[in-house]
């Protein structure tokens, strides 16, 4: 899907969505409601930690 935005702007949009979702969970959910989000965050951290260099090289290619 094409939005007409360059990769840097799409990266910033993704960051805003990520932090917006985290902030909404912190403000509006009880900790029990946030368990699925915490599990997803932990699993995402694990996936990123497996190949950190690949992730960083991908980000460098965007900018």
Protein backbone atom coordinates (compact mmCIF):
# COMPACT_ATOMS: atom_id res chain seq x y z
CA UNK A 1 0.00 0.00 0.00
CA UNK A 2 1.32 3.41 -0.90
CA UNK A 3 0.61 6.49 1.20
CA UNK A 4 2.72 8.98 -0.71
CA UNK A 5 5.06 9.56 2.26
CA UNK A 6 8.78 8.93 2.31
CA UNK A 7 10.38 6.30 4.53
CA UNK A 8 11.53 8.76 7.19
CA UNK A 9 8.00 10.06 7.72
CA UNK A 10 6.59 6.52 7.82
CA UNK A 11 9.23 5.62 10.43
CA UNK A 12 8.15 8.59 12.56
CA UNK A 13 4.48 7.63 12.15
CA UNK A 14 5.33 4.13 13.36
CA UNK A 15 7.12 5.53 16.41
CA UNK A 16 4.14 7.75 17.22
CA UNK A 17 1.79 4.77 16.96
CA UNK A 18 4.05 2.68 19.18
CA UNK A 19 4.36 5.27 21.92
CA UNK A 20 0.70 6.27 21.63
CA UNK A 21 -0.32 2.62 22.23
CA UNK A 22 2.01 2.37 25.24
CA UNK A 23 0.75 5.62 26.75
CA UNK A 24 -2.91 4.61 26.27
CA UNK A 25 -2.27 1.31 28.06
CA UNK A 26 -0.54 3.09 30.93
CA UNK A 27 -3.27 5.69 31.33
CA UNK A 28 -6.48 3.78 30.71
CA UNK A 29 -5.90 0.10 31.52
CA UNK A 30 -5.43 -1.69 34.78
CA UNK A 31 -2.27 -3.76 34.99
CA UNK A 32 -4.35 -6.92 34.47
CA UNK A 33 -5.75 -5.53 31.21
CA UNK A 34 -2.22 -4.68 30.13
CA UNK A 35 -0.86 -8.23 30.44
CA UNK A 36 -1.34 -9.05 26.71
CA UNK A 37 0.45 -5.83 25.79
CA UNK A 38 3.31 -6.62 28.21
CA UNK A 39 3.69 -10.12 26.76
CA UNK A 40 3.72 -8.68 23.23
CA UNK A 41 6.38 -6.16 24.27
CA UNK A 42 8.55 -8.86 25.81
CA UNK A 43 8.25 -11.08 22.73
CA UNK A 44 9.05 -8.11 20.46
CA UNK A 45 12.10 -7.31 22.57
CA UNK A 46 13.25 -10.91 22.21
CA UNK A 47 12.84 -10.84 18.42
CA UNK A 48 14.77 -7.56 18.18
CA UNK A 49 17.55 -8.82 20.44
CA UNK A 50 18.13 -11.88 18.24
CA UNK A 51 19.54 -9.81 15.39
CA UNK A 52 20.15 -6.26 16.61
CA UNK A 53 22.68 -5.51 13.86
CA UNK A 54 20.18 -6.37 11.12
CA UNK A 55 17.65 -4.02 12.69
CA UNK A 56 20.17 -1.20 13.00
CA UNK A 57 21.37 -1.62 9.41
CA UNK A 58 17.73 -1.49 8.24
CA UNK A 59 17.18 1.75 10.17
CA UNK A 60 20.40 3.21 8.73
CA UNK A 61 19.12 2.41 5.24
CA UNK A 62 15.95 4.41 5.95
CA UNK A 63 17.93 7.50 6.89
